């Protein structure tokens, strides 16, 4: 009887400590990245939205050539490294300090990324309180119109401020650079 209890005890002890090793052959498989779809999507976005169309075309052509040469194949399971490589390749063609490629594993495409009504109202209030980034209009020596703004705010009221600033400086027949 005692021997049977001891064997049962050893069995459960072995099972409790051995189970993780028995299951170690099962690994969580990372999803592979569809690099062709990613590069094609990036190229479409660049060609539609980028402020310098000729640079967008050059960047797209270079990314497509890198894709054709299988330069991104080594990164199929390394999305962060892929993002860094794509950014590096873009900078080889056009060094835009404002453009960055970033991998965000928490990003969910679709409806989840739309701001709520409360977030939209907060943003509107923020830009209104900060005068849509409009600070001043000056006439500098040499008859140069100085109209600094650091942000393009997509808002109808903001356009009025920008137009007003340009109108003021144009009344003085300033040179705009």
N, C-alpha and C. Protein backbone atom coordinates (compact mmCIF):
# COMPACT_ATOMS: atom_id res chain seq x y z
N UNK A 1 0.82 -1.18 0.00
CA UNK A 1 0.00 0.00 0.00
C UNK A 1 0.87 1.26 0.00
N UNK A 2 1.89 1.24 0.87
CA UNK A 2 2.79 2.38 0.97
C UNK A 2 3.53 2.59 -0.35
N UNK A 3 3.93 1.52 -1.01
CA UNK A 3 4.66 1.59 -2.26
C UNK A 3 3.78 2.18 -3.36
N UNK A 4 2.50 1.83 -3.34
CA UNK A 4 1.56 2.35 -4.33
C UNK A 4 1.36 3.86 -4.14
N UNK A 5 1.24 4.33 -2.91
CA UNK A 5 1.10 5.75 -2.63
C UNK A 5 2.36 6.51 -3.06
N UNK A 6 3.51 5.90 -2.82
CA UNK A 6 4.78 6.52 -3.20
C UNK A 6 4.88 6.63 -4.71
N UNK A 7 4.47 5.60 -5.44
CA UNK A 7 4.49 5.64 -6.90
C UNK A 7 3.53 6.71 -7.43
N UNK A 8 2.37 6.85 -6.82
CA UNK A 8 1.40 7.87 -7.22
C UNK A 8 1.99 9.26 -6.97
N UNK A 9 2.65 9.42 -5.84
CA UNK A 9 3.28 10.69 -5.50
C UNK A 9 4.36 11.04 -6.53
N UNK A 10 5.21 10.06 -6.86
CA UNK A 10 6.27 10.30 -7.85
C UNK A 10 5.68 10.61 -9.22
N UNK A 11 4.60 9.94 -9.57
CA UNK A 11 3.96 10.18 -10.86
C UNK A 11 3.47 11.63 -10.96
N UNK A 12 2.78 12.11 -9.93
CA UNK A 12 2.29 13.49 -9.94
C UNK A 12 3.43 14.51 -9.88
N UNK A 13 4.47 14.18 -9.14
CA UNK A 13 5.64 15.05 -9.07
C UNK A 13 6.30 15.15 -10.45
N UNK A 14 6.46 14.01 -11.10
CA UNK A 14 7.05 13.99 -12.43
C UNK A 14 6.17 14.73 -13.44
N UNK A 15 4.87 14.52 -13.32
CA UNK A 15 3.94 15.17 -14.22
C UNK A 15 3.94 16.70 -14.04
N UNK A 16 3.96 17.15 -12.78
CA UNK A 16 3.91 18.59 -12.54
C UNK A 16 5.18 19.30 -12.97
N UNK A 17 6.34 18.67 -12.77
CA UNK A 17 7.59 19.32 -13.20
C UNK A 17 7.97 18.97 -14.63
N UNK A 18 7.49 17.87 -15.13
CA UNK A 18 7.87 17.43 -16.47
C UNK A 18 6.96 17.94 -17.56
N UNK A 19 5.74 18.36 -17.22
CA UNK A 19 4.78 18.80 -18.23
C UNK A 19 5.31 19.94 -19.11
N UNK A 20 5.96 20.95 -18.52
CA UNK A 20 6.49 22.01 -19.40
C UNK A 20 7.51 21.48 -20.42
N UNK A 21 8.29 20.47 -20.03
CA UNK A 21 9.27 19.92 -20.96
C UNK A 21 8.61 19.05 -22.01
N UNK A 22 7.52 18.40 -21.64
CA UNK A 22 6.81 17.58 -22.61
C UNK A 22 6.15 18.45 -23.69
N UNK A 23 5.77 19.65 -23.33
CA UNK A 23 5.09 20.55 -24.26
C UNK A 23 6.04 21.52 -24.94
N UNK A 24 7.33 21.41 -24.69
CA UNK A 24 8.26 22.39 -25.24
C UNK A 24 8.40 22.28 -26.74
N UNK A 25 7.96 21.22 -27.34
CA UNK A 25 8.01 21.08 -28.79
C UNK A 25 6.98 21.95 -29.47
N UNK A 26 5.99 22.42 -28.73
CA UNK A 26 4.98 23.29 -29.29
C UNK A 26 5.42 24.74 -29.10
N UNK A 27 5.77 25.37 -30.18
CA UNK A 27 6.21 26.76 -30.10
C UNK A 27 5.15 27.65 -30.74
N UNK A 28 5.09 28.87 -30.27
CA UNK A 28 4.17 29.83 -30.86
C UNK A 28 4.81 30.36 -32.14
N UNK A 29 4.11 30.17 -33.23
CA UNK A 29 4.63 30.57 -34.53
C UNK A 29 4.27 32.03 -34.77
N UNK A 30 5.28 32.82 -35.07
CA UNK A 30 5.03 34.22 -35.42
C UNK A 30 4.47 34.26 -36.84
N UNK A 31 3.51 35.13 -37.04
CA UNK A 31 2.98 35.30 -38.39
C UNK A 31 4.03 35.95 -39.25
N UNK A 32 4.13 35.47 -40.47
CA UNK A 32 5.08 36.07 -41.39
C UNK A 32 4.48 37.34 -41.96
N UNK A 33 5.33 38.22 -42.39
CA UNK A 33 4.91 39.51 -42.92
C UNK A 33 4.77 39.36 -44.43
N UNK A 34 3.69 39.86 -44.96
CA UNK A 34 3.51 39.89 -46.40
C UNK A 34 4.23 41.13 -46.92
N UNK A 35 5.49 40.96 -47.22
CA UNK A 35 6.36 42.09 -47.58
C UNK A 35 5.92 42.72 -48.90
N UNK A 36 5.48 41.90 -49.86
CA UNK A 36 5.02 42.46 -51.14
C UNK A 36 3.84 43.40 -50.92
N UNK A 37 2.88 42.95 -50.11
CA UNK A 37 1.71 43.79 -49.84
C UNK A 37 2.11 45.05 -49.08
N UNK A 38 3.03 44.92 -48.13
CA UNK A 38 3.50 46.07 -47.36
C UNK A 38 4.15 47.12 -48.25
N UNK A 39 5.08 46.70 -49.10
CA UNK A 39 5.79 47.64 -49.98
C UNK A 39 4.83 48.26 -50.99
N UNK A 40 3.94 47.45 -51.55
CA UNK A 40 2.97 48.00 -52.50
C UNK A 40 2.06 49.02 -51.83
N UNK A 41 1.62 48.74 -50.63
CA UNK A 41 0.77 49.67 -49.89
C UNK A 41 1.52 50.95 -49.57
N UNK A 42 2.76 50.82 -49.15
CA UNK A 42 3.59 51.98 -48.84
C UNK A 42 3.80 52.83 -50.10
N UNK A 43 4.06 52.19 -51.23
CA UNK A 43 4.26 52.92 -52.48
C UNK A 43 3.00 53.67 -52.90
N UNK A 44 1.84 53.05 -52.75
CA UNK A 44 0.58 53.73 -53.10
C UNK A 44 0.38 54.94 -52.21
N UNK A 45 0.59 54.77 -50.91
CA UNK A 45 0.43 55.90 -49.98
C UNK A 45 1.40 57.04 -50.29
N UNK A 46 2.63 56.69 -50.58
CA UNK A 46 3.62 57.72 -50.93
C UNK A 46 3.19 58.48 -52.18
N UNK A 47 2.81 57.75 -53.21
CA UNK A 47 2.47 58.38 -54.49
C UNK A 47 1.20 59.22 -54.41
N UNK A 48 0.31 58.89 -53.51
CA UNK A 48 -0.92 59.67 -53.37
C UNK A 48 -0.72 60.87 -52.45
N UNK A 49 0.02 60.68 -51.35
CA UNK A 49 0.04 61.69 -50.29
C UNK A 49 1.33 62.47 -50.12
N UNK A 50 2.43 62.00 -50.63
CA UNK A 50 3.70 62.66 -50.32
C UNK A 50 3.79 64.01 -50.99
N UNK A 51 4.34 64.96 -50.29
CA UNK A 51 4.35 66.36 -50.73
C UNK A 51 5.25 66.57 -51.95
N UNK A 52 6.24 65.72 -52.16
CA UNK A 52 7.13 65.83 -53.32
C UNK A 52 6.87 64.65 -54.25
N UNK A 53 5.99 64.80 -55.23
CA UNK A 53 5.61 63.66 -56.08
C UNK A 53 6.78 62.99 -56.79
N UNK A 54 7.75 63.79 -57.24
CA UNK A 54 8.89 63.19 -57.95
C UNK A 54 9.75 62.35 -57.00
N UNK A 55 9.87 62.78 -55.75
CA UNK A 55 10.61 62.01 -54.75
C UNK A 55 9.83 60.75 -54.36
N UNK A 56 8.51 60.86 -54.29
CA UNK A 56 7.68 59.70 -53.98
C UNK A 56 7.88 58.63 -55.04
N UNK A 57 7.92 59.05 -56.29
CA UNK A 57 8.13 58.10 -57.39
C UNK A 57 9.51 57.45 -57.29
N UNK A 58 10.54 58.24 -56.99
CA UNK A 58 11.90 57.71 -56.85
C UNK A 58 11.98 56.72 -55.69
N UNK A 59 11.38 57.08 -54.57
CA UNK A 59 11.38 56.19 -53.40
C UNK A 59 10.65 54.90 -53.73
N UNK A 60 9.50 55.01 -54.37
CA UNK A 60 8.71 53.83 -54.73
C UNK A 60 9.49 52.90 -55.65
N UNK A 61 10.15 53.49 -56.63
CA UNK A 61 10.93 52.68 -57.57
C UNK A 61 12.07 51.96 -56.84
N UNK A 62 12.73 52.67 -55.93
CA UNK A 62 13.83 52.05 -55.20
C UNK A 62 13.34 50.93 -54.28
N UNK A 63 12.24 51.17 -53.57
CA UNK A 63 11.69 50.13 -52.69
C UNK A 63 11.27 48.91 -53.51
N UNK A 64 10.69 49.16 -54.68
CA UNK A 64 10.27 48.05 -55.54
C UNK A 64 11.48 47.27 -56.03
N UNK A 65 12.58 47.97 -56.35
CA UNK A 65 13.79 47.26 -56.79
C UNK A 65 14.39 46.44 -55.65
N UNK A 66 14.36 46.98 -54.44
CA UNK A 66 14.84 46.23 -53.28
C UNK A 66 13.98 44.99 -53.05
N UNK A 67 12.69 45.13 -53.26
CA UNK A 67 11.77 44.00 -53.12
C UNK A 67 12.08 42.94 -54.18
N UNK A 68 12.31 43.37 -55.41
CA UNK A 68 12.63 42.44 -56.50
C UNK A 68 13.94 41.71 -56.25
N UNK A 69 14.88 42.37 -55.59
CA UNK A 69 16.17 41.76 -55.27
C UNK A 69 16.13 40.91 -54.00
N UNK A 70 14.94 40.74 -53.42
CA UNK A 70 14.76 39.98 -52.17
C UNK A 70 15.57 40.54 -51.01
N UNK A 71 15.76 41.84 -50.99
CA UNK A 71 16.52 42.48 -49.92
C UNK A 71 15.80 42.43 -48.58
N UNK A 72 14.49 42.23 -48.61
CA UNK A 72 13.72 42.22 -47.38
C UNK A 72 13.37 40.82 -46.90
N UNK A 73 13.79 39.79 -47.64
CA UNK A 73 13.42 38.41 -47.30
C UNK A 73 13.92 37.98 -45.92
N UNK A 74 15.05 38.49 -45.51
CA UNK A 74 15.61 38.10 -44.21
C UNK A 74 14.80 38.65 -43.04
N UNK A 75 13.92 39.60 -43.32
CA UNK A 75 13.17 40.26 -42.25
C UNK A 75 11.73 39.76 -42.14
N UNK A 76 11.42 38.65 -42.77
CA UNK A 76 10.04 38.17 -42.84
C UNK A 76 9.46 37.88 -41.45
N UNK A 77 10.30 37.55 -40.48
CA UNK A 77 9.84 37.30 -39.11
C UNK A 77 10.31 38.37 -38.14
N UNK A 78 10.90 39.45 -38.65
CA UNK A 78 11.45 40.51 -37.80
C UNK A 78 10.87 41.85 -38.22
N UNK A 79 9.64 42.15 -37.81
CA UNK A 79 9.00 43.37 -38.29
C UNK A 79 9.70 44.66 -37.89
N UNK A 80 10.29 44.72 -36.70
CA UNK A 80 10.99 45.94 -36.28
C UNK A 80 12.21 46.18 -37.15
N UNK A 81 12.96 45.12 -37.44
CA UNK A 81 14.13 45.24 -38.30
C UNK A 81 13.72 45.60 -39.73
N UNK A 82 12.59 45.06 -40.18
CA UNK A 82 12.09 45.39 -41.52
C UNK A 82 11.76 46.88 -41.60
N UNK A 83 11.08 47.40 -40.59
CA UNK A 83 10.75 48.83 -40.57
C UNK A 83 12.01 49.68 -40.62
N UNK A 84 13.02 49.30 -39.85
CA UNK A 84 14.28 50.05 -39.84
C UNK A 84 14.97 50.00 -41.20
N UNK A 85 14.92 48.84 -41.86
CA UNK A 85 15.56 48.70 -43.17
C UNK A 85 14.83 49.52 -44.23
N UNK A 86 13.51 49.50 -44.20
CA UNK A 86 12.73 50.29 -45.16
C UNK A 86 13.01 51.78 -44.96
N UNK A 87 13.05 52.23 -43.71
CA UNK A 87 13.36 53.63 -43.44
C UNK A 87 14.75 53.98 -43.94
N UNK A 88 15.70 53.11 -43.71
CA UNK A 88 17.06 53.34 -44.20
C UNK A 88 17.09 53.43 -45.72
N UNK A 89 16.33 52.56 -46.39
CA UNK A 89 16.28 52.59 -47.85
C UNK A 89 15.62 53.87 -48.36
N UNK A 90 14.61 54.33 -47.68
CA UNK A 90 13.96 55.59 -48.08
C UNK A 90 14.94 56.75 -47.94
N UNK A 91 15.71 56.75 -46.85
CA UNK A 91 16.67 57.83 -46.63
C UNK A 91 17.80 57.82 -47.64
N UNK A 92 18.06 56.68 -48.27
CA UNK A 92 19.08 56.63 -49.33
C UNK A 92 18.65 57.45 -50.54
N UNK A 93 17.34 57.55 -50.75
CA UNK A 93 16.81 58.29 -51.89
C UNK A 93 16.51 59.74 -51.52
N UNK A 94 15.87 59.92 -50.37
CA UNK A 94 15.45 61.26 -49.96
C UNK A 94 15.47 61.33 -48.44
N UNK A 95 16.34 62.15 -47.90
CA UNK A 95 16.47 62.25 -46.44
C UNK A 95 15.48 63.27 -45.90
N UNK A 96 14.28 62.79 -45.63
CA UNK A 96 13.22 63.62 -45.06
C UNK A 96 13.19 63.36 -43.56
N UNK A 97 13.56 64.37 -42.77
CA UNK A 97 13.61 64.22 -41.31
C UNK A 97 12.24 63.96 -40.70
N UNK A 98 11.19 64.24 -41.45
CA UNK A 98 9.84 64.10 -40.91
C UNK A 98 9.21 62.74 -41.19
N UNK A 99 9.83 61.95 -42.05
CA UNK A 99 9.25 60.66 -42.41
C UNK A 99 9.94 59.55 -41.64
N UNK A 100 9.14 58.75 -40.97
CA UNK A 100 9.67 57.62 -40.23
C UNK A 100 8.77 56.41 -40.45
N UNK A 101 9.38 55.25 -40.46
CA UNK A 101 8.66 53.99 -40.57
C UNK A 101 8.76 53.32 -39.21
N UNK A 102 7.63 52.92 -38.69
CA UNK A 102 7.61 52.37 -37.34
C UNK A 102 6.72 51.13 -37.30
N UNK A 103 7.17 50.12 -36.59
CA UNK A 103 6.36 48.93 -36.37
C UNK A 103 5.67 49.05 -35.02
N UNK A 104 4.37 48.89 -35.02
CA UNK A 104 3.59 48.96 -33.79
C UNK A 104 2.74 47.70 -33.68
N UNK A 105 3.15 46.74 -32.84
CA UNK A 105 2.38 45.50 -32.73
C UNK A 105 0.98 45.69 -32.17
N UNK A 106 0.73 46.79 -31.51
CA UNK A 106 -0.59 47.03 -30.93
C UNK A 106 -1.55 47.70 -31.92
N UNK A 107 -1.04 48.11 -33.08
CA UNK A 107 -1.87 48.79 -34.06
C UNK A 107 -2.88 47.83 -34.66
N UNK A 108 -4.13 48.25 -34.66
CA UNK A 108 -5.19 47.45 -35.26
C UNK A 108 -5.83 48.27 -36.37
N UNK A 109 -5.73 47.82 -37.60
CA UNK A 109 -6.32 48.59 -38.69
C UNK A 109 -7.84 48.58 -38.63
N UNK A 110 -8.42 49.61 -39.19
CA UNK A 110 -9.88 49.64 -39.29
C UNK A 110 -10.53 50.58 -38.31
N UNK A 111 -11.69 50.19 -37.87
CA UNK A 111 -12.55 51.03 -37.04
C UNK A 111 -11.93 51.42 -35.71
N UNK A 112 -11.07 50.58 -35.17
CA UNK A 112 -10.53 50.83 -33.83
C UNK A 112 -9.67 52.07 -33.75
N UNK A 113 -9.19 52.56 -34.90
CA UNK A 113 -8.29 53.71 -34.89
C UNK A 113 -8.99 55.04 -35.10
N UNK A 114 -10.30 55.01 -35.26
CA UNK A 114 -11.02 56.27 -35.42
C UNK A 114 -11.17 56.93 -34.06
N UNK A 115 -10.91 58.23 -33.99
CA UNK A 115 -11.06 58.91 -32.70
C UNK A 115 -12.52 59.01 -32.30
N UNK A 116 -12.73 59.00 -31.01
CA UNK A 116 -14.09 59.14 -30.49
C UNK A 116 -14.53 60.60 -30.65
N UNK A 117 -15.81 60.83 -30.47
CA UNK A 117 -16.35 62.19 -30.56
C UNK A 117 -15.70 63.10 -29.51
N UNK A 118 -15.45 62.54 -28.33
CA UNK A 118 -14.81 63.30 -27.26
C UNK A 118 -13.38 63.68 -27.64
N UNK A 119 -12.64 62.75 -28.25
CA UNK A 119 -11.27 63.04 -28.68
C UNK A 119 -11.25 64.11 -29.78
N UNK A 120 -12.21 64.04 -30.68
CA UNK A 120 -12.30 65.06 -31.75
C UNK A 120 -12.57 66.43 -31.15
N UNK A 121 -13.48 66.49 -30.20
CA UNK A 121 -13.78 67.77 -29.54
C UNK A 121 -12.60 68.30 -28.75
N UNK A 122 -11.85 67.41 -28.10
CA UNK A 122 -10.65 67.83 -27.36
C UNK A 122 -9.62 68.43 -28.33
N UNK A 123 -9.45 67.78 -29.48
CA UNK A 123 -8.49 68.28 -30.47
C UNK A 123 -8.92 69.64 -31.00
N UNK A 124 -10.21 69.78 -31.29
CA UNK A 124 -10.71 71.08 -31.78
C UNK A 124 -10.48 72.18 -30.75
N UNK A 125 -10.78 71.87 -29.49
CA UNK A 125 -10.57 72.86 -28.43
C UNK A 125 -9.09 73.20 -28.27
N UNK A 126 -8.23 72.20 -28.36
CA UNK A 126 -6.78 72.43 -28.23
C UNK A 126 -6.31 73.39 -29.33
N UNK A 127 -6.68 73.11 -30.58
CA UNK A 127 -6.21 73.96 -31.68
C UNK A 127 -6.81 75.35 -31.59
N UNK A 128 -8.05 75.45 -31.16
CA UNK A 128 -8.67 76.77 -31.01
C UNK A 128 -7.96 77.58 -29.93
N UNK A 129 -7.68 76.93 -28.78
CA UNK A 129 -6.99 77.61 -27.68
C UNK A 129 -5.58 78.03 -28.08
N UNK A 130 -4.95 77.29 -28.99
CA UNK A 130 -3.60 77.60 -29.43
C UNK A 130 -3.60 78.33 -30.78
N UNK A 131 -4.75 78.93 -31.13
CA UNK A 131 -4.90 79.75 -32.32
C UNK A 131 -4.41 79.02 -33.59
N UNK A 132 -4.64 77.71 -33.65
CA UNK A 132 -4.31 76.89 -34.81
C UNK A 132 -2.83 77.01 -35.20
N UNK A 133 -1.98 77.16 -34.22
CA UNK A 133 -0.52 77.32 -34.34
C UNK A 133 -0.11 78.64 -34.98
N UNK A 134 -1.04 79.54 -35.16
CA UNK A 134 -0.77 80.86 -35.72
C UNK A 134 -0.26 81.76 -34.61
N UNK A 135 0.95 82.27 -34.75
CA UNK A 135 1.55 83.09 -33.68
C UNK A 135 1.64 84.56 -34.05
N UNK A 136 2.19 84.85 -35.24
CA UNK A 136 2.40 86.26 -35.58
C UNK A 136 2.69 86.40 -37.07
N UNK A 137 2.57 87.63 -37.54
CA UNK A 137 2.99 88.02 -38.88
C UNK A 137 3.87 89.24 -38.70
N UNK A 138 5.06 89.21 -39.28
CA UNK A 138 5.97 90.35 -39.16
C UNK A 138 6.48 90.75 -40.53
N UNK A 139 6.84 92.00 -40.62
CA UNK A 139 7.53 92.50 -41.80
C UNK A 139 8.97 92.73 -41.37
N UNK A 140 9.88 91.91 -41.88
CA UNK A 140 11.29 91.97 -41.51
C UNK A 140 12.03 92.96 -42.39
N UNK A 141 13.22 93.38 -41.95
CA UNK A 141 14.03 94.27 -42.81
C UNK A 141 14.24 93.62 -44.18
N UNK A 142 14.22 94.46 -45.18
CA UNK A 142 14.33 93.96 -46.55
C UNK A 142 12.97 93.64 -47.14
N UNK A 143 11.90 94.09 -46.43
CA UNK A 143 10.53 93.90 -46.90
C UNK A 143 10.19 92.41 -47.08
N UNK A 144 10.57 91.63 -46.10
CA UNK A 144 10.30 90.19 -46.12
C UNK A 144 9.16 89.89 -45.16
N UNK A 145 8.14 89.25 -45.68
CA UNK A 145 7.01 88.84 -44.84
C UNK A 145 7.36 87.58 -44.07
N UNK A 146 7.26 87.65 -42.75
CA UNK A 146 7.58 86.51 -41.87
C UNK A 146 6.29 86.01 -41.25
N UNK A 147 5.90 84.80 -41.61
CA UNK A 147 4.65 84.22 -41.17
C UNK A 147 4.92 82.78 -40.72
N UNK A 148 5.42 82.60 -39.48
CA UNK A 148 5.79 81.25 -39.04
C UNK A 148 4.59 80.42 -38.58
N UNK A 149 4.58 79.19 -38.98
CA UNK A 149 3.65 78.22 -38.41
C UNK A 149 4.33 76.86 -38.49
N UNK A 150 4.19 76.08 -37.45
CA UNK A 150 4.91 74.82 -37.32
C UNK A 150 4.07 73.60 -37.61
N UNK A 151 2.78 73.79 -37.73
CA UNK A 151 1.88 72.66 -37.89
C UNK A 151 0.82 73.01 -38.93
N UNK A 152 0.47 72.05 -39.76
CA UNK A 152 -0.65 72.21 -40.66
C UNK A 152 -1.85 71.57 -39.99
N UNK A 153 -2.80 72.38 -39.61
CA UNK A 153 -4.00 71.89 -38.94
C UNK A 153 -5.10 71.78 -39.97
N UNK A 154 -5.70 70.60 -40.05
CA UNK A 154 -6.77 70.39 -41.03
C UNK A 154 -8.10 70.82 -40.41
N UNK A 155 -8.42 72.09 -40.62
CA UNK A 155 -9.62 72.65 -40.04
C UNK A 155 -9.98 73.90 -40.83
N UNK A 156 -11.26 74.09 -41.13
CA UNK A 156 -11.69 75.24 -41.92
C UNK A 156 -11.35 76.56 -41.25
N UNK A 157 -11.52 76.64 -39.93
CA UNK A 157 -11.22 77.88 -39.20
C UNK A 157 -9.73 78.20 -39.26
N UNK A 158 -8.91 77.17 -39.29
CA UNK A 158 -7.46 77.36 -39.38
C UNK A 158 -7.09 78.02 -40.71
N UNK A 159 -7.74 77.62 -41.78
CA UNK A 159 -7.45 78.19 -43.10
C UNK A 159 -7.67 79.70 -43.09
N UNK A 160 -8.69 80.12 -42.37
CA UNK A 160 -8.98 81.56 -42.28
C UNK A 160 -7.80 82.30 -41.66
N UNK A 161 -7.21 81.74 -40.59
CA UNK A 161 -6.04 82.37 -39.95
C UNK A 161 -4.87 82.45 -40.91
N UNK A 162 -4.60 81.35 -41.63
CA UNK A 162 -3.48 81.35 -42.55
C UNK A 162 -3.70 82.35 -43.69
N UNK A 163 -4.91 82.37 -44.23
CA UNK A 163 -5.21 83.32 -45.31
C UNK A 163 -5.08 84.76 -44.81
N UNK A 164 -5.53 85.00 -43.59
CA UNK A 164 -5.41 86.33 -43.00
C UNK A 164 -3.94 86.73 -42.88
N UNK A 165 -3.10 85.81 -42.42
CA UNK A 165 -1.67 86.10 -42.30
C UNK A 165 -1.03 86.42 -43.63
N UNK A 166 -1.36 85.66 -44.66
CA UNK A 166 -0.83 85.93 -45.99
C UNK A 166 -1.37 87.24 -46.55
N UNK A 167 -2.61 87.54 -46.24
CA UNK A 167 -3.22 88.80 -46.71
C UNK A 167 -2.52 90.00 -46.09
N UNK A 168 -2.25 89.93 -44.80
CA UNK A 168 -1.55 91.04 -44.12
C UNK A 168 -0.19 91.27 -44.76
N UNK A 169 0.58 90.18 -44.94
CA UNK A 169 1.92 90.36 -45.49
C UNK A 169 1.88 90.78 -46.96
N UNK A 170 0.82 90.40 -47.70
CA UNK A 170 0.75 90.81 -49.11
C UNK A 170 0.37 92.29 -49.25
N UNK A 171 -0.30 92.85 -48.25
CA UNK A 171 -0.65 94.28 -48.30
C UNK A 171 0.59 95.15 -48.28
N UNK A 172 1.67 94.60 -47.71
CA UNK A 172 2.93 95.35 -47.66
C UNK A 172 3.82 95.02 -48.84
N UNK A 173 3.32 94.27 -49.80
CA UNK A 173 4.08 93.84 -50.98
C UNK A 173 5.42 93.23 -50.59
N UNK A 174 5.35 92.27 -49.67
CA UNK A 174 6.56 91.63 -49.17
C UNK A 174 7.01 90.53 -50.12
N UNK A 175 8.27 90.22 -49.99
CA UNK A 175 8.84 89.07 -50.70
C UNK A 175 8.56 87.84 -49.83
N UNK A 176 7.91 86.83 -50.36
CA UNK A 176 7.60 85.60 -49.62
C UNK A 176 8.59 84.52 -50.00
N UNK A 177 9.18 83.89 -49.00
CA UNK A 177 10.13 82.82 -49.25
C UNK A 177 9.62 81.56 -48.64
